[in-house]
PDB file of all heavy atoms in Angstrom:
ATOM      1  N   ASN A   1     106.968 122.678  83.450  1.00  0.00           N
ATOM      2  CA  ASN A   1     107.701 121.567  84.072  1.00  0.00           C
ATOM      3  C   ASN A   1     108.422 120.725  83.028  1.00  0.00           C
ATOM      4  O   ASN A   1     108.489 119.499  83.131  1.00  0.00           O
ATOM      5  CB  ASN A   1     106.744 120.705  84.904  1.00  0.00           C
ATOM      6  CG  ASN A   1     107.461 119.830  85.904  1.00  0.00           C
ATOM      7  OD1 ASN A   1     108.602 120.097  86.285  1.00  0.00           O
ATOM      8  ND2 ASN A   1     106.814 118.757  86.323  1.00  0.00           N
ATOM      9  N   ASP A   2     108.918 121.405  81.998  1.00  0.00           N
ATOM     10  CA  ASP A   2     109.662 120.761  80.919  1.00  0.00           C
ATOM     11  C   ASP A   2     108.832 119.735  80.155  1.00  0.00           C
ATOM     12  O   ASP A   2     109.370 118.786  79.578  1.00  0.00           O
ATOM     13  CB  ASP A   2     110.942 120.092  81.450  1.00  0.00           C
ATOM     14  CG  ASP A   2     112.014 121.115  81.793  1.00  0.00           C
ATOM     15  OD1 ASP A   2     112.071 122.157  81.099  1.00  0.00           O
ATOM     16  OD2 ASP A   2     112.771 120.888  82.740  1.00  0.00           O
ATOM     17  N   LYS A   3     107.513 119.958  80.128  1.00  0.00           N
ATOM     18  CA  LYS A   3     106.626 119.059  79.386  1.00  0.00           C
ATOM     19  C   LYS A   3     106.021 119.819  78.201  1.00  0.00           C
ATOM     20  O   LYS A   3     105.076 120.583  78.364  1.00  0.00           O
ATOM     21  CB  LYS A   3     105.518 118.528  80.297  1.00  0.00           C
ATOM     22  CG  LYS A   3     106.022 117.668  81.440  1.00  0.00           C
ATOM     23  CD  LYS A   3     104.877 117.222  82.326  1.00  0.00           C
ATOM     24  CE  LYS A   3     105.371 116.357  83.476  1.00  0.00           C
ATOM     25  NZ  LYS A   3     104.258 115.936  84.377  1.00  0.00           N
ATOM     26  N   LYS A   4     106.574 119.588  77.018  1.00  0.00           N
ATOM     27  CA  LYS A   4     106.096 120.336  75.861  1.00  0.00           C
ATOM     28  C   LYS A   4     104.664 119.991  75.495  1.00  0.00           C
ATOM     29  O   LYS A   4     103.968 120.785  74.858  1.00  0.00           O
ATOM     30  CB  LYS A   4     107.017 120.120  74.658  1.00  0.00           C
ATOM     31  CG  LYS A   4     107.056 118.720  74.103  1.00  0.00           C
ATOM     32  CD  LYS A   4     108.013 118.669  72.920  1.00  0.00           C
ATOM     33  CE  LYS A   4     108.104 117.269  72.318  1.00  0.00           C
ATOM     34  NZ  LYS A   4     109.057 117.251  71.168  1.00  0.00           N
ATOM     35  N   LYS A   5     104.188 118.828  75.937  1.00  0.00           N
ATOM     36  CA  LYS A   5     102.818 118.445  75.647  1.00  0.00           C
ATOM     37  C   LYS A   5     101.817 119.337  76.375  1.00  0.00           C
ATOM     38  O   LYS A   5     100.627 119.368  76.021  1.00  0.00           O
ATOM     39  CB  LYS A   5     102.567 116.987  76.027  1.00  0.00           C
ATOM     40  CG  LYS A   5     102.524 116.708  77.522  1.00  0.00           C
ATOM     41  CD  LYS A   5     102.231 115.262  77.820  1.00  0.00           C
ATOM     42  CE  LYS A   5     102.078 115.002  79.316  1.00  0.00           C
ATOM     43  NZ  LYS A   5     100.915 115.725  79.898  1.00  0.00           N
ATOM     44  N   ASN A   6     102.282 120.058  77.383  1.00  0.00           N
ATOM     45  CA  ASN A   6     101.393 120.912  78.159  1.00  0.00           C
ATOM     46  C   ASN A   6     101.423 122.371  77.699  1.00  0.00           C
ATOM     47  O   ASN A   6     100.969 123.267  78.411  1.00  0.00           O
ATOM     48  CB  ASN A   6     101.724 120.822  79.646  1.00  0.00           C
ATOM     49  CG  ASN A   6     101.277 119.500  80.242  1.00  0.00           C
ATOM     50  OD1 ASN A   6     100.645 118.687  79.572  1.00  0.00           O
ATOM     51  ND2 ASN A   6     101.617 119.276  81.495  1.00  0.00           N
ATOM     52  N   VAL A   7     101.949 122.598  76.494  1.00  0.00           N
ATOM     53  CA  VAL A   7     101.995 123.942  75.910  1.00  0.00           C
ATOM     54  C   VAL A   7     101.024 124.019  74.738  1.00  0.00           C
ATOM     55  O   VAL A   7     100.957 123.106  73.920  1.00  0.00           O
ATOM     56  CB  VAL A   7     103.416 124.290  75.432  1.00  0.00           C
ATOM     57  CG1 VAL A   7     103.438 125.631  74.697  1.00  0.00           C
ATOM     58  CG2 VAL A   7     104.388 124.314  76.619  1.00  0.00           C
ATOM     59  N   ILE A   8     100.277 125.101  74.679  1.00  0.00           N
ATOM     60  CA  ILE A   8      99.364 125.358  73.558  1.00  0.00           C
ATOM     61  C   ILE A   8      99.713 126.709  72.950  1.00  0.00           C
ATOM     62  O   ILE A   8      99.703 127.732  73.644  1.00  0.00           O
ATOM     63  CB  ILE A   8      97.892 125.362  74.001  1.00  0.00           C
ATOM     64  CG1 ILE A   8      97.473 123.981  74.513  1.00  0.00           C
ATOM     65  CG2 ILE A   8      96.988 125.797  72.848  1.00  0.00           C
ATOM     66  CD1 ILE A   8      96.042 123.933  75.044  1.00  0.00           C
ATOM     67  N   VAL A   9     100.015 126.703  71.662  1.00  0.00           N
ATOM     68  CA  VAL A   9     100.241 127.950  70.929  1.00  0.00           C
ATOM     69  C   VAL A   9      98.957 128.295  70.187  1.00  0.00           C
ATOM     70  O   VAL A   9      98.360 127.440  69.513  1.00  0.00           O
ATOM     71  CB  VAL A   9     101.407 127.809  69.935  1.00  0.00           C
ATOM     72  CG1 VAL A   9     101.524 129.060  69.057  1.00  0.00           C
ATOM     73  CG2 VAL A   9     102.712 127.566  70.692  1.00  0.00           C
ATOM     74  N   VAL A  10      98.530 129.534  70.320  1.00  0.00           N
ATOM     75  CA  VAL A  10      97.322 130.012  69.656  1.00  0.00           C
ATOM     76  C   VAL A  10      97.727 130.919  68.498  1.00  0.00           C
ATOM     77  O   VAL A  10      98.611 131.770  68.652  1.00  0.00           O
ATOM     78  CB  VAL A  10      96.414 130.778  70.640  1.00  0.00           C
ATOM     79  CG1 VAL A  10      95.120 131.213  69.964  1.00  0.00           C
ATOM     80  CG2 VAL A  10      96.107 129.908  71.859  1.00  0.00           C
ATOM     81  N   SER A  11      97.114 130.737  67.348  1.00  0.00           N
ATOM     82  CA  SER A  11      97.475 131.534  66.172  1.00  0.00           C
ATOM     83  C   SER A  11      97.127 133.001  66.376  1.00  0.00           C
ATOM     84  O   SER A  11      96.290 133.359  67.212  1.00  0.00           O
ATOM     85  CB  SER A  11      96.777 130.996  64.920  1.00  0.00           C
ATOM     86  OG  SER A  11      95.382 131.248  64.972  1.00  0.00           O
ATOM     87  N   ILE A  12      97.768 133.860  65.597  1.00  0.00           N
ATOM     88  CA  ILE A  12      97.569 135.306  65.696  1.00  0.00           C
ATOM     89  C   ILE A  12      96.263 135.702  65.002  1.00  0.00           C
ATOM     90  O   ILE A  12      96.045 135.351  63.841  1.00  0.00           O
ATOM     91  CB  ILE A  12      98.740 136.056  65.037  1.00  0.00           C
ATOM     92  CG1 ILE A  12     100.067 135.663  65.690  1.00  0.00           C
ATOM     93  CG2 ILE A  12      98.524 137.571  65.114  1.00  0.00           C
ATOM     94  CD1 ILE A  12     101.286 136.167  64.917  1.00  0.00           C
ATOM     95  N   PRO A  13      95.369 136.414  65.682  1.00  0.00           N
ATOM     96  CA  PRO A  13      94.158 136.922  65.039  1.00  0.00           C
ATOM     97  C   PRO A  13      94.500 137.887  63.902  1.00  0.00           C
ATOM     98  O   PRO A  13      95.593 138.457  63.870  1.00  0.00           O
ATOM     99  CB  PRO A  13      93.434 137.649  66.182  1.00  0.00           C
ATOM    100  CG  PRO A  13      93.942 136.994  67.425  1.00  0.00           C
ATOM    101  CD  PRO A  13      95.392 136.679  67.131  1.00  0.00           C
ATOM    102  N   ASP A  14      93.557 138.055  62.990  1.00  0.00           N
ATOM    103  CA  ASP A  14      93.764 138.945  61.842  1.00  0.00           C
ATOM    104  C   ASP A  14      92.946 140.216  62.028  1.00  0.00           C
ATOM    105  O   ASP A  14      91.734 140.226  61.813  1.00  0.00           O
ATOM    106  CB  ASP A  14      93.362 138.233  60.548  1.00  0.00           C
ATOM    107  CG  ASP A  14      93.746 139.030  59.310  1.00  0.00           C
ATOM    108  OD1 ASP A  14      94.160 140.209  59.453  1.00  0.00           O
ATOM    109  OD2 ASP A  14      93.635 138.484  58.202  1.00  0.00           O
ATOM    110  N   TYR A  15      93.615 141.298  62.418  1.00  0.00           N
ATOM    111  CA  TYR A  15      92.917 142.557  62.665  1.00  0.00           C
ATOM    112  C   TYR A  15      92.551 143.296  61.387  1.00  0.00           C
ATOM    113  O   TYR A  15      91.912 144.360  61.444  1.00  0.00           O
ATOM    114  CB  TYR A  15      93.734 143.451  63.602  1.00  0.00           C
ATOM    115  CG  TYR A  15      95.017 144.004  63.017  1.00  0.00           C
ATOM    116  CD1 TYR A  15      95.047 145.246  62.381  1.00  0.00           C
ATOM    117  CD2 TYR A  15      96.209 143.294  63.118  1.00  0.00           C
ATOM    118  CE1 TYR A  15      96.225 145.769  61.863  1.00  0.00           C
ATOM    119  CE2 TYR A  15      97.393 143.804  62.605  1.00  0.00           C
ATOM    120  CZ  TYR A  15      97.398 145.039  61.967  1.00  0.00           C
ATOM    121  OH  TYR A  15      98.570 145.534  61.450  1.00  0.00           O
ATOM    122  N   ALA A  16      92.907 142.729  60.228  1.00  0.00           N
ATOM    123  CA  ALA A  16      92.454 143.328  58.975  1.00  0.00           C
ATOM    124  C   ALA A  16      90.932 143.312  58.898  1.00  0.00           C
ATOM    125  O   ALA A  16      90.321 144.205  58.285  1.00  0.00           O
ATOM    126  CB  ALA A  16      93.049 142.585  57.775  1.00  0.00           C
ATOM    127  N   PHE A  17      90.320 142.323  59.534  1.00  0.00           N
ATOM    128  CA  PHE A  17      88.878 142.169  59.474  1.00  0.00           C
ATOM    129  C   PHE A  17      88.195 142.866  60.646  1.00  0.00           C
ATOM    130  O   PHE A  17      87.366 142.285  61.345  1.00  0.00           O
ATOM    131  CB  PHE A  17      88.520 140.679  59.417  1.00  0.00           C
ATOM    132  CG  PHE A  17      88.913 140.036  58.123  1.00  0.00           C
ATOM    133  CD1 PHE A  17      90.225 139.622  57.913  1.00  0.00           C
ATOM    134  CD2 PHE A  17      88.003 139.876  57.094  1.00  0.00           C
ATOM    135  CE1 PHE A  17      90.605 139.048  56.701  1.00  0.00           C
ATOM    136  CE2 PHE A  17      88.362 139.308  55.890  1.00  0.00           C
ATOM    137  CZ  PHE A  17      89.670 138.892  55.687  1.00  0.00           C
ATOM    138  N   THR A  18      88.595 144.120  60.840  1.00  0.00           N
ATOM    139  CA  THR A  18      88.001 145.002  61.850  1.00  0.00           C
ATOM    140  C   THR A  18      87.823 146.370  61.211  1.00  0.00           C
ATOM    141  O   THR A  18      88.439 146.666  60.174  1.00  0.00           O
ATOM    142  CB  THR A  18      88.917 145.155  63.082  1.00  0.00           C
ATOM    143  OG1 THR A  18      90.118 145.850  62.701  1.00  0.00           O
ATOM    144  CG2 THR A  18      89.274 143.800  63.679  1.00  0.00           C
ATOM    145  N   PRO A  19      87.022 147.241  61.809  1.00  0.00           N
ATOM    146  CA  PRO A  19      86.921 148.603  61.279  1.00  0.00           C
ATOM    147  C   PRO A  19      88.280 149.292  61.183  1.00  0.00           C
ATOM    148  O   PRO A  19      88.541 150.054  60.252  1.00  0.00           O
ATOM    149  CB  PRO A  19      86.011 149.300  62.300  1.00  0.00           C
ATOM    150  CG  PRO A  19      85.126 148.192  62.799  1.00  0.00           C
ATOM    151  CD  PRO A  19      86.041 146.991  62.884  1.00  0.00           C
ATOM    152  N   PHE A  20      89.174 149.012  62.133  1.00  0.00           N
ATOM    153  CA  PHE A  20      90.517 149.596  62.100  1.00  0.00           C
ATOM    154  C   PHE A  20      91.305 149.077  60.905  1.00  0.00           C
ATOM    155  O   PHE A  20      91.987 149.840  60.217  1.00  0.00           O
ATOM    156  CB  PHE A  20      91.259 149.271  63.395  1.00  0.00           C
ATOM    157  CG  PHE A  20      92.663 149.801  63.456  1.00  0.00           C
ATOM    158  CD1 PHE A  20      92.923 151.065  63.953  1.00  0.00           C
ATOM    159  CD2 PHE A  20      93.735 149.032  63.010  1.00  0.00           C
ATOM    160  CE1 PHE A  20      94.229 151.555  64.007  1.00  0.00           C
ATOM    161  CE2 PHE A  20      95.037 149.516  63.056  1.00  0.00           C
ATOM    162  CZ  PHE A  20      95.288 150.782  63.555  1.00  0.00           C
ATOM    163  N   GLY A  21      91.235 147.782  60.652  1.00  0.00           N
ATOM    164  CA  GLY A  21      92.013 147.175  59.579  1.00  0.00           C
ATOM    165  C   GLY A  21      91.449 147.390  58.197  1.00  0.00           C
ATOM    166  O   GLY A  21      92.167 147.298  57.192  1.00  0.00           O
ATOM    167  N   ARG A  22      90.144 147.666  58.111  1.00  0.00           N
ATOM    168  CA  ARG A  22      89.487 147.994  56.843  1.00  0.00           C
ATOM    169  C   ARG A  22      89.719 146.975  55.735  1.00  0.00           C
ATOM    170  O   ARG A  22      89.837 147.326  54.554  1.00  0.00           O
ATOM    171  CB  ARG A  22      89.935 149.383  56.362  1.00  0.00           C
ATOM    172  CG  ARG A  22      89.608 150.515  57.329  1.00  0.00           C
ATOM    173  CD  ARG A  22      90.057 151.864  56.801  1.00  0.00           C
ATOM    174  NE  ARG A  22      89.721 152.929  57.722  1.00  0.00           N
ATOM    175  CZ  ARG A  22      89.993 154.224  57.514  1.00  0.00           C
ATOM    176  NH1 ARG A  22      90.620 154.589  56.392  1.00  0.00           N
ATOM    177  NH2 ARG A  22      89.660 155.131  58.405  1.00  0.00           N
ATOM    178  N   GLY A  23      89.816 145.721  56.120  1.00  0.00           N
ATOM    179  CA  GLY A  23      89.929 144.667  55.116  1.00  0.00           C
ATOM    180  C   GLY A  23      91.243 144.650  54.357  1.00  0.00           C
ATOM    181  O   GLY A  23      91.315 144.116  53.239  1.00  0.00           O
ATOM    182  N   SER A  24      92.287 145.182  54.951  1.00  0.00           N
ATOM    183  CA  SER A  24      93.586 145.276  54.277  1.00  0.00           C
ATOM    184  C   SER A  24      94.143 143.903  53.921  1.00  0.00           C
ATOM    185  O   SER A  24      94.429 143.083  54.802  1.00  0.00           O
ATOM    186  CB  SER A  24      94.590 146.010  55.171  1.00  0.00           C
ATOM    187  OG  SER A  24      95.900 145.895  54.667  1.00  0.00           O
ATOM    188  N   ALA A  25      94.322 143.660  52.629  1.00  0.00           N
ATOM    189  CA  ALA A  25      94.874 142.384  52.173  1.00  0.00           C
ATOM    190  C   ALA A  25      96.328 142.228  52.591  1.00  0.00           C
ATOM    191  O   ALA A  25      96.784 141.109  52.861  1.00  0.00           O
ATOM    192  CB  ALA A  25      94.744 142.280  50.656  1.00  0.00           C
ATOM    193  N   SER A  26      97.061 143.332  52.662  1.00  0.00           N
ATOM    194  CA  SER A  26      98.478 143.251  53.026  1.00  0.00           C
ATOM    195  C   SER A  26      98.650 142.825  54.480  1.00  0.00           C
ATOM    196  O   SER A  26      99.575 142.071  54.805  1.00  0.00           O
ATOM    197  CB  SER A  26      99.171 144.600  52.790  1.00  0.00           C
ATOM    198  OG  SER A  26      98.610 145.621  53.599  1.00  0.00           O
ATOM    199  N   ILE A  27      97.764 143.291  55.365  1.00  0.00           N
ATOM    200  CA  ILE A  27      97.820 142.861  56.766  1.00  0.00           C
ATOM    201  C   ILE A  27      97.605 141.358  56.850  1.00  0.00           C
ATOM    202  O   ILE A  27      98.365 140.640  57.511  1.00  0.00           O
ATOM    203  CB  ILE A  27      96.764 143.593  57.620  1.00  0.00           C
ATOM    204  CG1 ILE A  27      97.120 145.070  57.764  1.00  0.00           C
ATOM    205  CG2 ILE A  27      96.654 142.944  59.006  1.00  0.00           C
ATOM    206  CD1 ILE A  27      96.066 145.900  58.480  1.00  0.00           C
ATOM    207  N   SER A  28      96.603 140.876  56.143  1.00  0.00           N
ATOM    208  CA  SER A  28      96.299 139.445  56.173  1.00  0.00           C
ATOM    209  C   SER A  28      97.462 138.614  55.642  1.00  0.00           C
ATOM    210  O   SER A  28      97.797 137.559  56.208  1.00  0.00           O
ATOM    211  CB  SER A  28      95.038 139.147  55.357  1.00  0.00           C
ATOM    212  OG  SER A  28      93.908 139.763  55.931  1.00  0.00           O
ATOM    213  N   THR A  29      98.080 139.079  54.585  1.00  0.00           N
ATOM    214  CA  THR A  29      99.213 138.358  54.006  1.00  0.00           C
ATOM    215  C   THR A  29     100.362 138.264  54.994  1.00  0.00           C
ATOM    216  O   THR A  29     100.996 137.212  55.146  1.00  0.00           O
ATOM    217  CB  THR A  29      99.695 139.060  52.722  1.00  0.00           C
ATOM    218  OG1 THR A  29      98.629 139.038  51.756  1.00  0.00           O
ATOM    219  CG2 THR A  29     100.911 138.357  52.132  1.00  0.00           C
ATOM    220  N   GLU A  30     100.634 139.371  55.689  1.00  0.00           N
ATOM    221  CA  GLU A  30     101.726 139.378  56.664  1.00  0.00           C
ATOM    222  C   GLU A  30     101.385 138.504  57.879  1.00  0.00           C
ATOM    223  O   GLU A  30     102.252 137.768  58.378  1.00  0.00           O
ATOM    224  CB  GLU A  30     102.024 140.816  57.087  1.00  0.00           C
ATOM    225  CG  GLU A  30     102.638 141.640  55.960  1.00  0.00           C
ATOM    226  CD  GLU A  30     102.763 143.108  56.297  1.00  0.00           C
ATOM    227  OE1 GLU A  30     102.443 143.494  57.453  1.00  0.00           O
ATOM    228  OE2 GLU A  30     103.167 143.893  55.410  1.00  0.00           O
ATOM    229  N   ILE A  31     100.148 138.575  58.346  1.00  0.00           N
ATOM    230  CA  ILE A  31      99.732 137.720  59.467  1.00  0.00           C
ATOM    231  C   ILE A  31      99.880 136.255  59.087  1.00  0.00           C
ATOM    232  O   ILE A  31     100.329 135.426  59.899  1.00  0.00           O
ATOM    233  CB  ILE A  31      98.278 138.022  59.879  1.00  0.00           C
ATOM    234  CG1 ILE A  31      98.146 139.435  60.463  1.00  0.00           C
ATOM    235  CG2 ILE A  31      97.759 136.970  60.863  1.00  0.00           C
ATOM    236  CD1 ILE A  31      98.831 139.633  61.788  1.00  0.00           C
ATOM    237  N   ASP A  32      99.543 135.923  57.860  1.00  0.00           N
ATOM    238  CA  ASP A  32      99.679 134.540  57.384  1.00  0.00           C
ATOM    239  C   ASP A  32     101.123 134.057  57.476  1.00  0.00           C
ATOM    240  O   ASP A  32     101.380 132.899  57.813  1.00  0.00           O
ATOM    241  CB  ASP A  32      99.194 134.416  55.941  1.00  0.00           C
ATOM    242  CG  ASP A  32      97.680 134.337  55.835  1.00  0.00           C
ATOM    243  OD1 ASP A  32      97.019 134.060  56.853  1.00  0.00           O
ATOM    244  OD2 ASP A  32      97.154 134.556  54.721  1.00  0.00           O
ATOM    245  N   LYS A  33     102.064 134.934  57.170  1.00  0.00           N
ATOM    246  CA  LYS A  33     103.481 134.549  57.205  1.00  0.00           C
ATOM    247  C   LYS A  33     103.906 134.213  58.631  1.00  0.00           C
ATOM    248  O   LYS A  33     104.624 133.234  58.864  1.00  0.00           O
ATOM    249  CB  LYS A  33     104.346 135.678  56.643  1.00  0.00           C
ATOM    250  CG  LYS A  33     104.192 135.883  55.135  1.00  0.00           C
ATOM    251  CD  LYS A  33     105.059 137.038  54.651  1.00  0.00           C
ATOM    252  CE  LYS A  33     104.895 137.253  53.151  1.00  0.00           C
ATOM    253  NZ  LYS A  33     105.696 138.409  52.672  1.00  0.00           N
ATOM    254  N   TYR A  34     103.452 135.015  59.575  1.00  0.00           N
ATOM    255  CA  TYR A  34     103.780 134.758  60.977  1.00  0.00           C
ATOM    256  C   TYR A  34     103.158 133.443  61.444  1.00  0.00           C
ATOM    257  O   TYR A  34     103.812 132.609  62.081  1.00  0.00           O
ATOM    258  CB  TYR A  34     103.298 135.908  61.862  1.00  0.00           C
ATOM    259  CG  TYR A  34     104.220 137.104  61.845  1.00  0.00           C
ATOM    260  CD1 TYR A  34     104.139 138.071  60.846  1.00  0.00           C
ATOM    261  CD2 TYR A  34     105.191 137.262  62.831  1.00  0.00           C
ATOM    262  CE1 TYR A  34     104.990 139.163  60.824  1.00  0.00           C
ATOM    263  CE2 TYR A  34     106.053 138.355  62.825  1.00  0.00           C
ATOM    264  CZ  TYR A  34     105.946 139.304  61.816  1.00  0.00           C
ATOM    265  OH  TYR A  34     106.805 140.375  61.799  1.00  0.00           O
ATOM    266  N   ASN A  35     101.887 133.272  61.121  1.00  0.00           N
ATOM    267  CA  ASN A  35     101.205 132.052  61.551  1.00  0.00           C
ATOM    268  C   ASN A  35     101.768 130.807  60.875  1.00  0.00           C
ATOM    269  O   ASN A  35     101.843 129.740  61.495  1.00  0.00           O
ATOM    270  CB  ASN A  35      99.708 132.165  61.270  1.00  0.00           C
ATOM    271  CG  ASN A  35      98.987 132.986  62.321  1.00  0.00           C
ATOM    272  OD1 ASN A  35      99.369 133.006  63.487  1.00  0.00           O
ATOM    273  ND2 ASN A  35      97.922 133.666  61.918  1.00  0.00           N
ATOM    274  N   GLU A  36     102.164 130.933  59.635  1.00  0.00           N
ATOM    275  CA  GLU A  36     102.735 129.785  58.928  1.00  0.00           C
ATOM    276  C   GLU A  36     104.037 129.344  59.585  1.00  0.00           C
ATOM    277  O   GLU A  36     104.278 128.143  59.772  1.00  0.00           O
ATOM    278  CB  GLU A  36     102.990 130.125  57.461  1.00  0.00           C
ATOM    279  CG  GLU A  36     103.547 128.967  56.651  1.00  0.00           C
ATOM    280  CD  GLU A  36     103.770 129.322  55.190  1.00  0.00           C
ATOM    281  OE1 GLU A  36     103.636 130.511  54.833  1.00  0.00           O
ATOM    282  OE2 GLU A  36     104.095 128.405  54.408  1.00  0.00           O
ATOM    283  N   PHE A  37     104.858 130.321  59.962  1.00  0.00           N
ATOM    284  CA  PHE A  37     106.110 129.969  60.634  1.00  0.00           C
ATOM    285  C   PHE A  37     105.819 129.289  61.968  1.00  0.00           C
ATOM    286  O   PHE A  37     106.402 128.243  62.300  1.00  0.00           O
ATOM    287  CB  PHE A  37     106.980 131.202  60.865  1.00  0.00           C
ATOM    288  CG  PHE A  37     108.212 130.898  61.677  1.00  0.00           C
ATOM    289  CD1 PHE A  37     109.338 130.361  61.071  1.00  0.00           C
ATOM    290  CD2 PHE A  37     108.233 131.098  63.056  1.00  0.00           C
ATOM    291  CE1 PHE A  37     110.474 130.038  61.816  1.00  0.00           C
ATOM    292  CE2 PHE A  37     109.359 130.782  63.808  1.00  0.00           C
ATOM    293  CZ  PHE A  37     110.476 130.252  63.182  1.00  0.00           C
ATOM    294  N   ALA A  38     104.924 129.876  62.762  1.00  0.00           N
ATOM    295  CA  ALA A  38     104.612 129.321  64.079  1.00  0.00           C
ATOM    296  C   ALA A  38     104.026 127.916  63.962  1.00  0.00           C
ATOM    297  O   ALA A  38     104.414 127.005  64.704  1.00  0.00           O
ATOM    298  CB  ALA A  38     103.640 130.236  64.815  1.00  0.00           C
ATOM    299  N   LYS A  39     103.102 127.743  63.040  1.00  0.00           N
ATOM    300  CA  LYS A  39     102.480 126.420  62.856  1.00  0.00           C
ATOM    301  C   LYS A  39     103.516 125.380  62.455  1.00  0.00           C
ATOM    302  O   LYS A  39     103.556 124.278  63.017  1.00  0.00           O
ATOM    303  CB  LYS A  39     101.382 126.499  61.805  1.00  0.00           C
ATOM    304  CG  LYS A  39     100.695 125.169  61.551  1.00  0.00           C
ATOM    305  CD  LYS A  39      99.634 125.286  60.464  1.00  0.00           C
ATOM    306  CE  LYS A  39      98.977 123.939  60.194  1.00  0.00           C
ATOM    307  NZ  LYS A  39      97.957 124.021  59.117  1.00  0.00           N
TER     308      LYS A  39
END
């Protein structure tokens, strides 16, 4: 209803810290860039 106060943006989870991601530092670095821009 055109009320920006009623919007919540949630940061992107970091899938590097999963068995699939295997602790990849590069994934975390890239996720940080996205979250930094959004924040």
